[in-house]
Amino acid sequence: MVLDFLRKLTGRPNAGSDEPAARETYQGLEVLAWPRAEGGVWRVAGRIQRPGDDEGAGHDFVRADTMASHDEAVRMSLLKGKQLVDEKGEGILPKE
């Protein structure tokens, strides 16, 4: 419960779930889809990280985009994550 509160406070996209809805490796990075339920719609959100580094530093993102269905939000979250990787590459991740 405290962890969920802290995740919501920091904007961590996985505030409602311990596991991502989907994950894909893309250009050497892992894109995780973690859409958020908000008022009857799903907000596009996710995380970009090094493959298998679930506890390490990554880049969390939350978009303004909302979708009517969970499946569509998962698909769009993966797409937006890949777009961020295309734009910034590994530079999107915090320095170790």
Protein backbone atom coordinates (compact mmCIF):
# COMPACT_ATOMS: atom_id res chain seq x y z
CA MET A 1 0.00 0.00 0.00
CA VAL A 2 2.78 2.46 0.88
CA LEU A 3 4.66 1.39 -2.26
CA ASP A 4 1.59 2.06 -4.41
CA PHE A 5 1.26 5.51 -2.85
CA LEU A 6 4.91 6.31 -3.59
CA ARG A 7 4.60 5.09 -7.16
CA LYS A 8 1.55 7.30 -7.71
CA LEU A 9 3.37 10.22 -6.11
CA THR A 10 6.40 9.82 -8.38
CA GLY A 11 4.33 9.10 -11.48
CA ARG A 12 5.58 5.55 -11.85
CA PRO A 13 3.31 4.02 -14.50
CA ASN A 14 2.97 0.64 -12.83
CA ALA A 15 1.07 2.10 -9.87
CA GLY A 16 -1.85 -0.29 -10.38
CA SER A 17 0.03 -3.49 -11.19
CA ASP A 18 3.19 -5.33 -10.23
CA GLU A 19 3.70 -6.71 -13.74
CA PRO A 20 3.61 -4.95 -17.10
CA ALA A 21 0.76 -5.78 -19.47
CA ALA A 22 3.32 -6.50 -22.21
CA ARG A 23 7.02 -6.19 -22.91
CA GLU A 24 9.08 -6.17 -26.09
CA THR A 25 12.77 -5.84 -26.80
CA TYR A 26 13.39 -3.06 -29.31
CA GLN A 27 16.77 -1.82 -30.56
CA GLY A 28 18.57 -3.36 -27.57
CA LEU A 29 16.20 -1.90 -24.96
CA GLU A 30 13.10 -3.29 -23.34
CA VAL A 31 9.78 -1.46 -23.73
CA LEU A 32 7.17 -2.29 -21.09
CA ALA A 33 3.49 -1.36 -21.47
CA TRP A 34 1.84 -0.31 -18.21
CA PRO A 35 -1.41 1.48 -19.11
CA ARG A 36 -3.32 3.17 -16.28
CA ALA A 37 -7.06 2.99 -15.70
CA GLU A 38 -8.48 6.50 -15.36
CA GLY A 39 -12.17 7.29 -15.23
CA GLY A 40 -13.39 4.64 -17.65
CA VAL A 41 -10.51 4.98 -20.12
CA TRP A 42 -6.91 3.76 -20.23
CA ARG A 43 -3.98 6.17 -20.21
CA VAL A 44 -0.95 5.24 -22.33
CA ALA A 45 2.03 4.63 -20.02
CA GLY A 46 5.08 2.42 -19.74
CA ARG A 47 8.75 2.06 -19.03
CA ILE A 48 11.96 1.76 -21.05
CA GLN A 49 14.86 -0.13 -19.49
CA ARG A 50 17.79 -2.35 -20.21
CA PRO A 51 16.63 -5.94 -20.88
CA GLY A 52 15.96 -7.87 -17.66
CA ASP A 53 16.74 -4.86 -15.44
CA ASP A 54 13.34 -4.74 -13.70
CA GLU A 55 14.78 -3.25 -10.51
CA GLY A 56 17.29 -0.88 -12.07
CA ALA A 57 17.05 2.63 -13.40
CA GLY A 58 14.79 3.09 -16.38
CA HIS A 59 12.70 5.77 -18.01
CA ASP A 60 9.02 5.85 -17.04
CA PHE A 61 6.61 7.62 -19.36
CA VAL A 62 2.97 8.67 -19.13
CA ARG A 63 1.29 10.14 -22.19
CA ALA A 64 -1.76 12.34 -22.54
CA ASP A 65 -3.24 9.76 -24.92
CA THR A 66 -6.19 7.72 -23.64
CA MET A 67 -7.80 4.65 -25.17
CA ALA A 68 -11.21 3.08 -24.68
CA SER A 69 -9.87 -0.47 -24.27
CA HIS A 70 -7.02 -1.97 -22.30
CA ASP A 71 -5.75 -3.89 -25.33
CA GLU A 72 -5.56 -0.73 -27.42
CA ALA A 73 -3.77 1.10 -24.59
CA VAL A 74 -1.21 -1.73 -24.37
CA ARG A 75 -0.60 -1.58 -28.13
CA MET A 76 -0.25 2.22 -28.06
CA SER A 77 2.01 2.12 -24.98
CA LEU A 78 4.42 -0.20 -26.81
CA LEU A 79 4.26 2.00 -29.92
CA LYS A 80 4.95 5.22 -27.97
CA GLY A 81 7.80 3.53 -26.08
CA LYS A 82 9.39 2.47 -29.36
CA GLN A 83 8.98 6.00 -30.67
CA LEU A 84 10.90 7.33 -27.65
CA VAL A 85 13.67 4.78 -28.28
CA ASP A 86 13.82 5.87 -31.94
CA GLU A 87 14.12 9.51 -30.90
CA LYS A 88 16.61 9.24 -28.03
CA GLY A 89 18.12 5.75 -28.12
CA GLU A 90 19.93 4.60 -25.00
CA GLY A 91 20.35 8.26 -24.00
CA ILE A 92 16.82 8.11 -22.64
CA LEU A 93 18.05 6.04 -19.70
CA PRO A 94 19.60 7.60 -16.60
CA LYS A 95 23.39 7.43 -16.37
CA GLU A 96 24.61 4.54 -14.25
